[in-house]
Amino acid sequence: MSHAQNRNKVLVIGREGTGKHDLVKAILKQTKSPESEKDIVSCLLRNKYYTAFIEFVIDDTEPDLSSEVIEAFDELGEVFDGVIFVGDKNKKETFEDLKPWLAFTTKFEPGVCLCIGNNILNSSEGDSKVDTEEIDDWCLEHGFEYIDMDEEAENETTGVHRIVEALESHRWDGMIMNGESPDPIDDSPEEPRDEKWMRNMLESHQESVKAEDLPDMDEVHELHEQLFGNINLDSEDNGLDRAFELILSLKEQSKNMSESERRKLATKVALSFGLQLEKE
């Protein structure tokens, strides 16, 4: 099924053995998102203004990576709004793998660009350690923020906390603005069924989204297609009546669901509205 893609993915790259998966797990734990061993991982971000769902796409880099390999990502570049590069501080050469990706970050200008200095304890003897001051200067020059996972500083956010802070400070596609009204499937709208109605439905989703409420994004796109597949706001019969009827149907179905199932359905509905509003 084809659908418009949110720009809400984060490319996590680095050589095998630099700790990419462990880093993502640490981010998931910090954000109270469900853990996963997969190479594509959903994550919940939440601050006092919005809730957002992003996906980490984890991939290995190799020494002397050909430009053709990086160019292959060009077809997917528009969906990435973040790049996290992971290197081993005990192996200076692992940081060389970031340089070929500058063409990618220059072209697509992701909003979050981080370079992570990991300390892999089982690094072999004789490896050359990275000069952290040198890599920090290089990152500043090329639009990356260097984060040393061992660094501790008073009155400063460091390590995985700084990574999460950087991610949560960005405005991601598909984010849901926090509100205090009941969730989208609880109340019928009183306003005309137009774009304003859709925005009110989206903003009525509660702030208390939990990790276990996260739906699969394929489910969100499927519901979006059901709700808005025939929408044309420029016509008199714009199709919003059909979306409204389906919302009422979902509301009735939710009465027989558990609380957890209802929250997940409400989140899925809210994200579906978010996808539609991005197209307007």
Protein backbone atom coordinates (compact mmCIF):
# COMPACT_ATOMS: atom_id res chain seq x y z
CA MET A 1 0.00 0.00 0.00
CA SER A 2 1.49 3.35 -1.00
CA HIS A 3 1.16 6.39 1.24
CA ALA A 4 2.83 9.68 1.94
CA GLN A 5 5.74 9.29 4.30
CA ASN A 6 6.24 11.38 7.41
CA ARG A 7 9.71 12.84 7.82
CA ASN A 8 10.09 11.20 11.20
CA LYS A 9 12.90 8.68 10.78
CA VAL A 10 16.37 8.76 12.32
CA LEU A 11 19.26 7.01 10.58
CA VAL A 12 21.56 5.38 13.15
CA ILE A 13 24.87 4.41 11.52
CA GLY A 14 28.31 3.24 12.54
CA ARG A 15 30.58 0.26 12.17
CA GLU A 16 29.61 -3.13 13.50
CA GLY A 17 30.61 -3.37 17.15
CA THR A 18 30.32 0.33 18.00
CA GLY A 19 27.21 -0.18 20.13
CA LYS A 20 24.45 1.18 17.89
CA HIS A 21 21.76 -1.23 19.06
CA ASP A 22 22.68 -0.77 22.73
CA LEU A 23 22.51 2.99 22.26
CA VAL A 24 19.03 2.77 20.74
CA LYS A 25 17.94 0.50 23.60
CA ALA A 26 19.18 3.12 26.07
CA ILE A 27 17.14 5.78 24.26
CA LEU A 28 14.05 3.55 24.30
CA LYS A 29 14.48 2.95 28.03
CA GLN A 30 14.94 6.65 28.72
CA THR A 31 11.78 7.51 26.75
CA LYS A 32 9.80 4.56 28.20
CA SER A 33 9.32 3.13 24.71
CA PRO A 34 8.98 -0.62 24.05
CA GLU A 35 12.37 -2.29 23.56
CA SER A 36 13.16 -4.04 20.29
CA GLU A 37 15.99 -6.05 18.75
CA LYS A 38 15.02 -5.06 15.20
CA ASP A 39 16.88 -2.72 12.85
CA ILE A 40 13.79 -0.50 12.50
CA VAL A 41 12.51 0.59 15.90
CA SER A 42 9.60 2.85 16.90
CA CYS A 43 10.13 5.34 19.70
CA LEU A 44 7.81 7.64 21.64
CA LEU A 45 9.00 11.19 22.32
CA ARG A 46 7.11 13.48 24.64
CA ASN A 47 7.67 16.93 26.06
CA LYS A 48 5.27 19.43 27.60
CA TYR A 49 4.20 20.66 24.16
CA TYR A 50 3.77 17.58 21.99
CA THR A 51 3.94 13.81 21.61
CA ALA A 52 5.75 12.40 18.57
CA PHE A 53 6.47 8.97 17.18
CA ILE A 54 9.75 8.42 15.37
CA GLU A 55 11.54 5.42 13.90
CA PHE A 56 15.19 4.54 14.25
CA VAL A 57 16.68 2.85 11.18
CA ILE A 58 19.93 1.12 12.19
CA ASP A 59 22.56 0.30 9.58
CA ASP A 60 26.26 -0.60 9.50
CA THR A 61 28.93 1.50 7.85
CA GLU A 62 32.12 0.09 6.36
CA PRO A 63 35.61 1.47 5.72
CA ASP A 64 35.93 3.15 2.31
CA LEU A 65 32.19 3.05 1.76
CA SER A 66 31.45 3.71 -1.89
CA SER A 67 29.45 6.75 -2.90
CA GLU A 68 27.01 4.43 -4.69
CA VAL A 69 25.97 2.90 -1.36
CA ILE A 70 25.23 6.29 0.15
CA GLU A 71 23.48 7.46 -3.01
CA ALA A 72 21.14 4.48 -2.62
CA PHE A 73 19.77 6.23 0.46
CA ASP A 74 18.85 9.27 -1.64
CA GLU A 75 15.55 7.64 -2.55
CA LEU A 76 14.72 7.48 1.15
CA GLY A 77 16.38 10.71 2.20
CA GLU A 78 13.19 12.74 2.40
CA VAL A 79 11.86 10.64 5.29
CA PHE A 80 14.95 11.09 7.46
CA ASP A 81 15.00 14.12 9.74
CA GLY A 82 17.77 12.83 11.96
CA VAL A 83 21.18 11.15 11.73
CA ILE A 84 22.97 9.59 14.70
CA PHE A 85 26.50 8.40 13.97
CA VAL A 86 28.14 6.09 16.52
CA GLY A 87 31.90 5.62 16.80
CA ASP A 88 34.20 3.80 19.22
CA LYS A 89 36.47 6.22 21.06
CA ASN A 90 39.09 3.48 21.32
CA LYS A 91 39.17 3.11 17.54
CA LYS A 92 39.83 6.42 15.87
CA GLU A 93 39.30 4.91 12.44
CA THR A 94 35.62 4.22 13.17
CA PHE A 95 34.93 7.96 13.05
CA GLU A 96 36.27 8.19 9.49
CA ASP A 97 33.08 6.47 8.33
CA LEU A 98 31.05 9.60 9.03
CA LYS A 99 32.83 11.75 6.45
CA PRO A 100 31.30 10.14 3.33
CA TRP A 101 27.83 10.81 4.76
CA LEU A 102 28.30 14.58 4.67
CA ALA A 103 26.93 14.62 1.13
CA PHE A 104 23.74 13.01 2.46
CA THR A 105 23.31 15.43 5.39
CA THR A 106 24.15 18.42 3.19
CA LYS A 107 21.52 17.43 0.63
CA PHE A 108 18.66 16.55 2.98
CA GLU A 109 19.53 18.79 5.95
CA PRO A 110 18.14 16.60 8.76
CA GLY A 111 17.09 18.58 11.80
CA VAL A 112 19.02 16.41 14.27
CA CYS A 113 22.65 15.44 13.55
CA LEU A 114 24.54 13.76 16.39
CA CYS A 115 27.94 12.08 16.57
CA ILE A 116 28.27 9.72 19.52
CA GLY A 117 31.55 8.74 21.13
CA ASN A 118 31.07 5.27 22.67
CA ASN A 119 33.56 3.50 24.90
CA ILE A 120 33.55 -0.16 23.83
CA LEU A 121 35.28 -2.09 26.59
CA ASN A 122 36.31 -5.06 24.45
CA SER A 123 38.23 -2.98 21.92
CA SER A 124 41.48 -4.75 21.05
CA GLU A 125 44.86 -3.59 22.30
CA GLY A 126 46.85 -1.28 20.09
CA ASP A 127 43.84 0.60 18.78
CA SER A 128 44.28 4.35 18.49
CA LYS A 129 42.02 6.44 20.69
CA VAL A 130 40.16 9.36 19.22
CA ASP A 131 41.11 12.92 20.11
CA THR A 132 37.75 14.06 21.48
CA GLU A 133 38.62 17.74 21.14
CA GLU A 134 39.53 17.20 17.50
CA ILE A 135 36.34 15.27 16.71
CA ASP A 136 34.28 17.87 18.59
CA ASP A 137 35.75 20.66 16.44
CA TRP A 138 35.13 18.64 13.27
CA CYS A 139 31.51 18.06 14.25
CA LEU A 140 30.91 21.74 14.96
CA GLU A 141 32.34 22.63 11.57
CA HIS A 142 30.09 20.17 9.74
CA GLY A 143 26.78 20.64 11.53
CA PHE A 144 26.96 17.75 14.01
CA GLU A 145 26.85 17.78 17.79
CA TYR A 146 29.42 15.53 19.44
CA ILE A 147 28.22 13.66 22.53
CA ASP A 148 30.74 11.75 24.62
CA MET A 149 28.93 8.93 26.41
CA ASP A 150 31.46 9.02 29.27
CA GLU A 151 31.32 12.75 29.85
CA GLU A 152 29.79 14.09 33.03
CA ALA A 153 29.33 17.79 33.61
CA GLU A 154 27.70 19.70 36.44
CA ASN A 155 24.57 21.59 35.40
CA GLU A 156 24.75 20.13 31.86
CA THR A 157 22.82 17.31 30.24
CA THR A 158 25.16 14.59 29.00
CA GLY A 159 25.14 11.10 27.51
CA VAL A 160 21.85 9.43 26.61
CA HIS A 161 19.96 12.20 28.44
CA ARG A 162 21.42 14.76 26.02
CA ILE A 163 20.54 12.54 23.04
CA VAL A 164 16.93 12.30 24.18
CA GLU A 165 16.87 16.04 24.89
CA ALA A 166 18.05 16.77 21.34
CA LEU A 167 15.42 14.44 19.87
CA GLU A 168 12.60 15.83 22.00
CA SER A 169 13.54 19.44 21.18
CA HIS A 170 12.92 18.89 17.47
CA ARG A 171 9.51 19.37 15.82
CA TRP A 172 8.82 16.06 14.09
CA ASP A 173 6.34 15.38 11.31
CA GLY A 174 3.14 13.84 12.64
CA MET A 175 3.57 15.18 16.16
CA ILE A 176 0.46 15.55 18.31
CA MET A 177 0.10 18.78 20.24
CA ASN A 178 -0.69 18.05 23.86
CA GLY A 179 -4.10 18.96 25.22
CA GLU A 180 -6.36 18.25 28.14
CA SER A 181 -9.61 17.32 26.42
CA PRO A 182 -11.00 13.78 26.18
CA ASP A 183 -9.51 11.48 23.57
CA PRO A 184 -10.68 11.57 19.92
CA ILE A 185 -13.13 8.68 20.11
CA ASP A 186 -14.97 9.86 23.23
CA ASP A 187 -17.02 12.82 22.00
CA SER A 188 -18.79 13.75 18.79
CA PRO A 189 -17.58 17.03 17.26
CA GLU A 190 -19.93 19.99 17.48
CA GLU A 191 -18.22 22.01 14.75
CA PRO A 192 -18.57 21.62 10.98
CA ARG A 193 -16.66 18.67 9.59
CA ASP A 194 -13.85 20.60 7.95
CA GLU A 195 -10.16 21.19 8.57
CA LYS A 196 -10.91 23.01 11.83
CA TRP A 197 -12.86 19.97 13.00
CA MET A 198 -9.93 17.72 12.14
CA ARG A 199 -7.51 19.93 14.05
CA ASN A 200 -9.76 19.94 17.10
CA MET A 201 -10.03 16.16 16.93
CA LEU A 202 -6.26 15.87 16.74
CA GLU A 203 -5.57 18.34 19.53
CA SER A 204 -8.12 16.65 21.80
CA HIS A 205 -5.83 13.63 22.19
CA GLN A 206 -4.64 13.49 25.76
CA GLU A 207 -1.07 14.14 26.86
CA SER A 208 -0.97 10.85 28.78
CA VAL A 209 0.03 8.66 25.83
CA LYS A 210 1.87 5.63 27.16
CA ALA A 211 4.43 3.40 25.49
CA GLU A 212 2.01 0.49 25.40
CA ASP A 213 -0.49 2.68 23.51
CA LEU A 214 1.81 2.90 20.48
CA PRO A 215 0.16 1.39 17.40
CA ASP A 216 2.04 -0.06 14.47
CA MET A 217 2.51 2.71 11.91
CA ASP A 218 1.17 0.43 9.16
CA GLU A 219 -2.07 0.29 11.15
CA VAL A 220 -2.11 4.09 11.32
CA HIS A 221 -1.68 4.41 7.55
CA GLU A 222 -4.38 1.79 6.98
CA LEU A 223 -6.85 3.69 9.17
CA HIS A 224 -5.86 6.96 7.51
CA GLU A 225 -6.69 5.43 4.12
CA GLN A 226 -10.08 4.27 5.43
CA LEU A 227 -10.87 7.68 6.89
CA PHE A 228 -9.50 10.00 4.24
CA GLY A 229 -8.99 7.95 1.07
CA ASN A 230 -11.84 9.78 -0.69
CA ILE A 231 -11.52 13.18 0.98
CA ASN A 232 -11.76 16.31 -1.18
CA LEU A 233 -12.20 19.43 0.97
CA ASP A 234 -12.76 21.60 -2.13
CA SER A 235 -15.97 19.81 -3.10
CA GLU A 236 -19.40 20.18 -1.49
CA ASP A 237 -19.53 16.44 -0.83
CA ASN A 238 -16.03 16.40 0.61
CA GLY A 239 -16.14 12.93 2.13
CA LEU A 240 -15.80 14.07 5.74
CA ASP A 241 -19.25 12.69 6.51
CA ARG A 242 -17.87 9.23 5.78
CA ALA A 243 -14.92 9.88 8.10
CA PHE A 244 -17.31 11.10 10.78
CA GLU A 245 -19.46 7.98 10.46
CA LEU A 246 -16.40 5.76 10.78
CA ILE A 247 -15.31 7.66 13.91
CA LEU A 248 -18.74 7.03 15.44
CA SER A 249 -18.45 3.36 14.51
CA LEU A 250 -15.05 3.15 16.17
CA LYS A 251 -16.51 4.84 19.24
CA GLU A 252 -19.16 2.13 19.49
CA GLN A 253 -16.57 -0.61 19.01
CA SER A 254 -14.41 0.87 21.75
CA LYS A 255 -17.15 0.31 24.33
CA ASN A 256 -16.34 -3.40 24.23
CA MET A 257 -12.57 -2.88 24.45
CA SER A 258 -10.23 -2.92 27.39
CA GLU A 259 -8.82 0.38 28.62
CA SER A 260 -5.48 -0.40 26.99
CA GLU A 261 -7.14 -1.21 23.66
CA ARG A 262 -9.16 2.01 23.81
CA ARG A 263 -6.04 4.11 24.42
CA LYS A 264 -4.26 2.44 21.52
CA LEU A 265 -7.24 3.05 19.24
CA ALA A 266 -7.43 6.69 20.33
CA THR A 267 -3.73 7.13 19.55
CA LYS A 268 -4.19 5.52 16.15
CA VAL A 269 -7.09 7.85 15.33
CA ALA A 270 -5.13 10.92 16.43
CA LEU A 271 -2.11 9.95 14.34
CA SER A 272 -4.38 9.36 11.33
CA PHE A 273 -5.68 12.90 11.65
CA GLY A 274 -2.12 14.14 11.94
CA LEU A 275 -1.21 12.46 8.66
CA GLN A 276 -4.15 14.10 6.92
CA LEU A 277 -3.38 17.58 8.24
CA GLU A 278 0.17 17.33 6.92
CA LYS A 279 -1.28 17.04 3.41
CA GLU A 280 -3.38 20.18 3.71
